[in-house]
PDB file of N, CA and C in Angstrom:
ATOM      1  N   MET A   1       0.835  -1.160   0.000  1.00  0.00           N
ATOM      2  CA  MET A   1       0.000   0.000   0.000  1.00  0.00           C
ATOM      3  C   MET A   1       0.895   1.244   0.000  1.00  0.00           C
ATOM      4  N   VAL A   2       0.561   2.190  -0.823  1.00  0.00           N
ATOM      5  CA  VAL A   2       1.331   3.416  -0.951  1.00  0.00           C
ATOM      6  C   VAL A   2       0.613   4.530  -0.200  1.00  0.00           C
ATOM      7  N   VAL A   3       1.353   5.177   0.710  1.00  0.00           N
ATOM      8  CA  VAL A   3       0.798   6.289   1.476  1.00  0.00           C
ATOM      9  C   VAL A   3       1.672   7.506   1.236  1.00  0.00           C
ATOM     10  N   VAL A   4       1.037   8.620   0.876  1.00  0.00           N
ATOM     11  CA  VAL A   4       1.748   9.873   0.656  1.00  0.00           C
ATOM     12  C   VAL A   4       1.083  10.940   1.512  1.00  0.00           C
ATOM     13  N   VAL A   5       1.876  11.577   2.363  1.00  0.00           N
ATOM     14  CA  VAL A   5       1.365  12.615   3.251  1.00  0.00           C
ATOM     15  C   VAL A   5       1.756  13.963   2.664  1.00  0.00           C
ATOM     16  N   LYS A   6       0.796  14.863   2.638  1.00  0.00           N
ATOM     17  CA  LYS A   6       1.037  16.192   2.084  1.00  0.00           C
ATOM     18  C   LYS A   6       1.996  16.969   2.987  1.00  0.00           C
ATOM     19  N   LYS A   7       3.021  17.533   2.378  1.00  0.00           N
ATOM     20  CA  LYS A   7       3.987  18.337   3.110  1.00  0.00           C
ATOM     21  C   LYS A   7       3.486  19.773   3.193  1.00  0.00           C
ATOM     22  N   LYS A   8       4.000  20.499   4.153  1.00  0.00           N
ATOM     23  CA  LYS A   8       3.580  21.881   4.346  1.00  0.00           C
ATOM     24  C   LYS A   8       3.983  22.717   3.128  1.00  0.00           C
ATOM     25  N   GLY A   9       3.008  23.420   2.553  1.00  0.00           N
ATOM     26  CA  GLY A   9       3.264  24.284   1.406  1.00  0.00           C
ATOM     27  C   GLY A   9       3.325  23.546   0.078  1.00  0.00           C
ATOM     28  N   GLU A  10       3.024  22.248   0.057  1.00  0.00           N
ATOM     29  CA  GLU A  10       3.083  21.465  -1.176  1.00  0.00           C
ATOM     30  C   GLU A  10       1.759  21.568  -1.935  1.00  0.00           C
ATOM     31  N   THR A  11       1.842  21.734  -3.235  1.00  0.00           N
ATOM     32  CA  THR A  11       0.629  21.824  -4.040  1.00  0.00           C
ATOM     33  C   THR A  11       0.047  20.431  -4.273  1.00  0.00           C
ATOM     34  N   GLU A  12      -1.221  20.404  -4.657  1.00  0.00           N
ATOM     35  CA  GLU A  12      -1.879  19.127  -4.929  1.00  0.00           C
ATOM     36  C   GLU A  12      -1.260  18.441  -6.140  1.00  0.00           C
ATOM     37  N   ASP A  13      -0.854  19.235  -7.131  1.00  0.00           N
ATOM     38  CA  ASP A  13      -0.236  18.651  -8.325  1.00  0.00           C
ATOM     39  C   ASP A  13       1.055  17.929  -7.974  1.00  0.00           C
ATOM     40  N   ARG A  14       1.847  18.542  -7.121  1.00  0.00           N
ATOM     41  CA  ARG A  14       3.113  17.934  -6.713  1.00  0.00           C
ATOM     42  C   ARG A  14       2.856  16.682  -5.884  1.00  0.00           C
ATOM     43  N   LEU A  15       1.825  16.723  -5.053  1.00  0.00           N
ATOM     44  CA  LEU A  15       1.453  15.571  -4.239  1.00  0.00           C
ATOM     45  C   LEU A  15       1.043  14.397  -5.125  1.00  0.00           C
ATOM     46  N   ILE A  16       0.247  14.678  -6.137  1.00  0.00           N
ATOM     47  CA  ILE A  16      -0.188  13.632  -7.073  1.00  0.00           C
ATOM     48  C   ILE A  16       1.007  13.074  -7.831  1.00  0.00           C
ATOM     49  N   ALA A  17       1.943  13.924  -8.217  1.00  0.00           N
ATOM     50  CA  ALA A  17       3.136  13.470  -8.924  1.00  0.00           C
ATOM     51  C   ALA A  17       3.968  12.535  -8.048  1.00  0.00           C
ATOM     52  N   ARG A  18       4.124  12.878  -6.771  1.00  0.00           N
ATOM     53  CA  ARG A  18       4.866  12.003  -5.849  1.00  0.00           C
ATOM     54  C   ARG A  18       4.152  10.667  -5.675  1.00  0.00           C
ATOM     55  N   PHE A  19       2.813  10.721  -5.598  1.00  0.00           N
ATOM     56  CA  PHE A  19       2.036   9.491  -5.458  1.00  0.00           C
ATOM     57  C   PHE A  19       2.217   8.590  -6.670  1.00  0.00           C
ATOM     58  N   LYS A  20       2.104   9.178  -7.860  1.00  0.00           N
ATOM     59  CA  LYS A  20       2.269   8.397  -9.088  1.00  0.00           C
ATOM     60  C   LYS A  20       3.643   7.743  -9.141  1.00  0.00           C
ATOM     61  N   LYS A  21       4.668   8.494  -8.767  1.00  0.00           N
ATOM     62  CA  LYS A  21       6.029   7.962  -8.799  1.00  0.00           C
ATOM     63  C   LYS A  21       6.174   6.793  -7.829  1.00  0.00           C
ATOM     64  N   LYS A  22       5.601   6.906  -6.635  1.00  0.00           N
ATOM     65  CA  LYS A  22       5.679   5.820  -5.665  1.00  0.00           C
ATOM     66  C   LYS A  22       4.933   4.578  -6.158  1.00  0.00           C
ATOM     67  N   VAL A  23       3.799   4.774  -6.808  1.00  0.00           N
ATOM     68  CA  VAL A  23       3.021   3.644  -7.330  1.00  0.00           C
ATOM     69  C   VAL A  23       3.810   2.925  -8.416  1.00  0.00           C
ATOM     70  N   VAL A  24       4.429   3.674  -9.308  1.00  0.00           N
ATOM     71  CA  VAL A  24       5.208   3.062 -10.385  1.00  0.00           C
ATOM     72  C   VAL A  24       6.424   2.342  -9.805  1.00  0.00           C
ATOM     73  N   ASP A  25       7.125   2.977  -8.875  1.00  0.00           N
ATOM     74  CA  ASP A  25       8.310   2.374  -8.279  1.00  0.00           C
ATOM     75  C   ASP A  25       7.993   1.110  -7.490  1.00  0.00           C
ATOM     76  N   SER A  26       6.827   1.056  -6.864  1.00  0.00           N
ATOM     77  CA  SER A  26       6.472  -0.112  -6.063  1.00  0.00           C
ATOM     78  C   SER A  26       6.038  -1.294  -6.937  1.00  0.00           C
ATOM     79  N   GLY A  27       5.681  -1.047  -8.189  1.00  0.00           N
ATOM     80  CA  GLY A  27       5.301  -2.126  -9.098  1.00  0.00           C
ATOM     81  C   GLY A  27       3.835  -2.508  -9.021  1.00  0.00           C
ATOM     82  N   ILE A  28       3.046  -1.753  -8.303  1.00  0.00           N
ATOM     83  CA  ILE A  28       1.618  -2.060  -8.157  1.00  0.00           C
ATOM     84  C   ILE A  28       0.907  -1.993  -9.500  1.00  0.00           C
ATOM     85  N   LEU A  29       1.202  -0.960 -10.261  1.00  0.00           N
ATOM     86  CA  LEU A  29       0.531  -0.769 -11.542  1.00  0.00           C
ATOM     87  C   LEU A  29       0.859  -1.904 -12.520  1.00  0.00           C
ATOM     88  N   GLN A  30       2.124  -2.293 -12.586  1.00  0.00           N
ATOM     89  CA  GLN A  30       2.529  -3.372 -13.487  1.00  0.00           C
ATOM     90  C   GLN A  30       1.893  -4.695 -13.080  1.00  0.00           C
ATOM     91  N   GLU A  31       1.824  -4.950 -11.782  1.00  0.00           N
ATOM     92  CA  GLU A  31       1.211  -6.186 -11.300  1.00  0.00           C
ATOM     93  C   GLU A  31      -0.272  -6.225 -11.648  1.00  0.00           C
ATOM     94  N   ALA A  32      -0.955  -5.104 -11.520  1.00  0.00           N
ATOM     95  CA  ALA A  32      -2.376  -5.050 -11.856  1.00  0.00           C
ATOM     96  C   ALA A  32      -2.586  -5.325 -13.339  1.00  0.00           C
ATOM     97  N   ARG A  33      -1.724  -4.767 -14.179  1.00  0.00           N
ATOM     98  CA  ARG A  33      -1.837  -5.011 -15.616  1.00  0.00           C
ATOM     99  C   ARG A  33      -1.571  -6.473 -15.945  1.00  0.00           C
ATOM    100  N   ASP A  34      -0.600  -7.074 -15.259  1.00  0.00           N
ATOM    101  CA  ASP A  34      -0.289  -8.478 -15.498  1.00  0.00           C
ATOM    102  C   ASP A  34      -1.443  -9.383 -15.083  1.00  0.00           C
ATOM    103  N   ARG A  35      -2.152  -9.006 -14.042  1.00  0.00           N
ATOM    104  CA  ARG A  35      -3.234  -9.844 -13.530  1.00  0.00           C
ATOM    105  C   ARG A  35      -4.551  -9.658 -14.291  1.00  0.00           C
ATOM    106  N   GLN A  36      -4.625  -8.690 -15.168  1.00  0.00           N
ATOM    107  CA  GLN A  36      -5.863  -8.465 -15.916  1.00  0.00           C
ATOM    108  C   GLN A  36      -6.197  -9.655 -16.801  1.00  0.00           C
ATOM    109  N   ARG A  37      -5.175 -10.314 -17.314  1.00  0.00           N
ATOM    110  CA  ARG A  37      -5.393 -11.411 -18.250  1.00  0.00           C
ATOM    111  C   ARG A  37      -4.472 -12.556 -17.884  1.00  0.00           C
ATOM    112  N   TYR A  38      -5.018 -13.766 -17.785  1.00  0.00           N
ATOM    113  CA  TYR A  38      -4.210 -14.941 -17.485  1.00  0.00           C
ATOM    114  C   TYR A  38      -3.396 -15.311 -18.709  1.00  0.00           C
ATOM    115  N   VAL A  39      -2.107 -15.507 -18.504  1.00  0.00           N
ATOM    116  CA  VAL A  39      -1.215 -15.914 -19.588  1.00  0.00           C
ATOM    117  C   VAL A  39      -0.706 -17.308 -19.249  1.00  0.00           C
ATOM    118  N   PRO A  40      -1.007 -18.292 -20.088  1.00  0.00           N
ATOM    119  CA  PRO A  40      -0.553 -19.653 -19.826  1.00  0.00           C
ATOM    120  C   PRO A  40       0.977 -19.738 -19.855  1.00  0.00           C
ATOM    121  N   PRO A  41       1.535 -20.704 -19.141  1.00  0.00           N
ATOM    122  CA  PRO A  41       2.994 -20.845 -19.113  1.00  0.00           C
ATOM    123  C   PRO A  41       3.610 -21.019 -20.505  1.00  0.00           C
ATOM    124  N   SER A  42       2.909 -21.702 -21.400  1.00  0.00           N
ATOM    125  CA  SER A  42       3.451 -21.896 -22.744  1.00  0.00           C
ATOM    126  C   SER A  42       3.582 -20.561 -23.476  1.00  0.00           C
ATOM    127  N   GLU A  43       2.618 -19.677 -23.271  1.00  0.00           N
ATOM    128  CA  GLU A  43       2.677 -18.363 -23.908  1.00  0.00           C
ATOM    129  C   GLU A  43       3.786 -17.510 -23.302  1.00  0.00           C
ATOM    130  N   LYS A  44       3.993 -17.642 -21.985  1.00  0.00           N
ATOM    131  CA  LYS A  44       5.080 -16.918 -21.328  1.00  0.00           C
ATOM    132  C   LYS A  44       6.425 -17.353 -21.900  1.00  0.00           C
ATOM    133  N   ARG A  45       6.585 -18.670 -22.084  1.00  0.00           N
ATOM    134  CA  ARG A  45       7.845 -19.183 -22.650  1.00  0.00           C
ATOM    135  C   ARG A  45       8.053 -18.680 -24.068  1.00  0.00           C
ATOM    136  N   LYS A  46       6.978 -18.653 -24.847  1.00  0.00           N
ATOM    137  CA  LYS A  46       7.063 -18.177 -26.224  1.00  0.00           C
ATOM    138  C   LYS A  46       7.471 -16.705 -26.265  1.00  0.00           C
ATOM    139  N   GLU A  47       6.873 -15.884 -25.389  1.00  0.00           N
ATOM    140  CA  GLU A  47       7.218 -14.462 -25.337  1.00  0.00           C
ATOM    141  C   GLU A  47       8.673 -14.275 -24.930  1.00  0.00           C
ATOM    142  N   GLN A  48       9.131 -15.058 -23.963  1.00  0.00           N
ATOM    143  CA  GLN A  48      10.514 -14.947 -23.519  1.00  0.00           C
ATOM    144  C   GLN A  48      11.484 -15.369 -24.621  1.00  0.00           C
ATOM    145  N   LYS A  49      11.137 -16.409 -25.337  1.00  0.00           N
ATOM    146  CA  LYS A  49      11.972 -16.875 -26.446  1.00  0.00           C
ATOM    147  C   LYS A  49      12.070 -15.802 -27.529  1.00  0.00           C
ATOM    148  N   ASN A  50      10.941 -15.176 -27.860  1.00  0.00           N
ATOM    149  CA  ASN A  50      10.936 -14.118 -28.862  1.00  0.00           C
ATOM    150  C   ASN A  50      11.717 -12.891 -28.382  1.00  0.00           C
ATOM    151  N   ARG A  51      11.622 -12.577 -27.097  1.00  0.00           N
ATOM    152  CA  ARG A  51      12.353 -11.440 -26.535  1.00  0.00           C
ATOM    153  C   ARG A  51      13.860 -11.674 -26.624  1.00  0.00           C
ATOM    154  N   ILE A  52      14.298 -12.901 -26.315  1.00  0.00           N
ATOM    155  CA  ILE A  52      15.718 -13.233 -26.394  1.00  0.00           C
ATOM    156  C   ILE A  52      16.195 -13.152 -27.836  1.00  0.00           C
ATOM    157  N   LYS A  53      15.384 -13.665 -28.761  1.00  0.00           N
ATOM    158  CA  LYS A  53      15.742 -13.612 -30.178  1.00  0.00           C
ATOM    159  C   LYS A  53      15.879 -12.163 -30.647  1.00  0.00           C
ATOM    160  N   PHE A  54      14.949 -11.319 -30.204  1.00  0.00           N
ATOM    161  CA  PHE A  54      14.985  -9.901 -30.571  1.00  0.00           C
ATOM    162  C   PHE A  54      16.237  -9.231 -30.025  1.00  0.00           C
ATOM    163  N   LEU A  55      16.579  -9.513 -28.771  1.00  0.00           N
ATOM    164  CA  LEU A  55      17.760  -8.899 -28.165  1.00  0.00           C
ATOM    165  C   LEU A  55      19.048  -9.343 -28.855  1.00  0.00           C
ATOM    166  N   ILE A  56      19.104 -10.590 -29.288  1.00  0.00           N
ATOM    167  CA  ILE A  56      20.274 -11.083 -30.020  1.00  0.00           C
ATOM    168  C   ILE A  56      20.411 -10.356 -31.354  1.00  0.00           C
ATOM    169  N   GLU A  57      19.308 -10.215 -32.080  1.00  0.00           N
ATOM    170  CA  GLU A  57      19.333  -9.493 -33.351  1.00  0.00           C
ATOM    171  C   GLU A  57      19.724  -8.037 -33.152  1.00  0.00           C
ATOM    172  N   LEU A  58      19.219  -7.423 -32.107  1.00  0.00           N
ATOM    173  CA  LEU A  58      19.542  -6.034 -31.809  1.00  0.00           C
ATOM    174  C   LEU A  58      21.032  -5.883 -31.500  1.00  0.00           C
ATOM    175  N   GLU A  59      21.572  -6.821 -30.768  1.00  0.00           N
ATOM    176  CA  GLU A  59      23.000  -6.776 -30.436  1.00  0.00           C
ATOM    177  C   GLU A  59      23.847  -6.960 -31.696  1.00  0.00           C
ATOM    178  N   LYS A  60      23.397  -7.828 -32.607  1.00  0.00           N
ATOM    179  CA  LYS A  60      24.129  -8.012 -33.875  1.00  0.00           C
ATOM    180  C   LYS A  60      24.166  -6.725 -34.666  1.00  0.00           C
ATOM    181  N   LYS A  61      23.028  -6.015 -34.705  1.00  0.00           N
ATOM    182  CA  LYS A  61      22.963  -4.749 -35.451  1.00  0.00           C
ATOM    183  C   LYS A  61      23.867  -3.699 -34.817  1.00  0.00           C
ATOM    184  N   ARG A  62      23.939  -3.679 -33.506  1.00  0.00           N
ATOM    185  CA  ARG A  62      24.775  -2.694 -32.814  1.00  0.00           C
ATOM    186  C   ARG A  62      26.257  -2.956 -33.068  1.00  0.00           C
ATOM    187  N   ASN A  63      26.632  -4.211 -33.143  1.00  0.00           N
ATOM    188  CA  ASN A  63      28.039  -4.567 -33.324  1.00  0.00           C
ATOM    189  C   ASN A  63      28.469  -4.582 -34.784  1.00  0.00           C
ATOM    190  N   PHE A  64      27.541  -4.399 -35.666  1.00  0.00           N
ATOM    191  CA  PHE A  64      27.848  -4.438 -37.100  1.00  0.00           C
ATOM    192  C   PHE A  64      28.505  -3.188 -37.494  1.00  0.00           C
TER     193      PHE A  64
END
């Protein structure tokens, strides 16, 4: 749970910005997005395999 206390003289916009940053840093938002849809283990493996293949190709292009 993320708790943000308003500091003396702090604007609401700045308070909201600090809250957003804490939520992103804690990983709550990413976890919620991941839980929206069930991904079977086979699909996870396929995505990881494609990600590794992409990174290898990207590294080849950088070293070329």
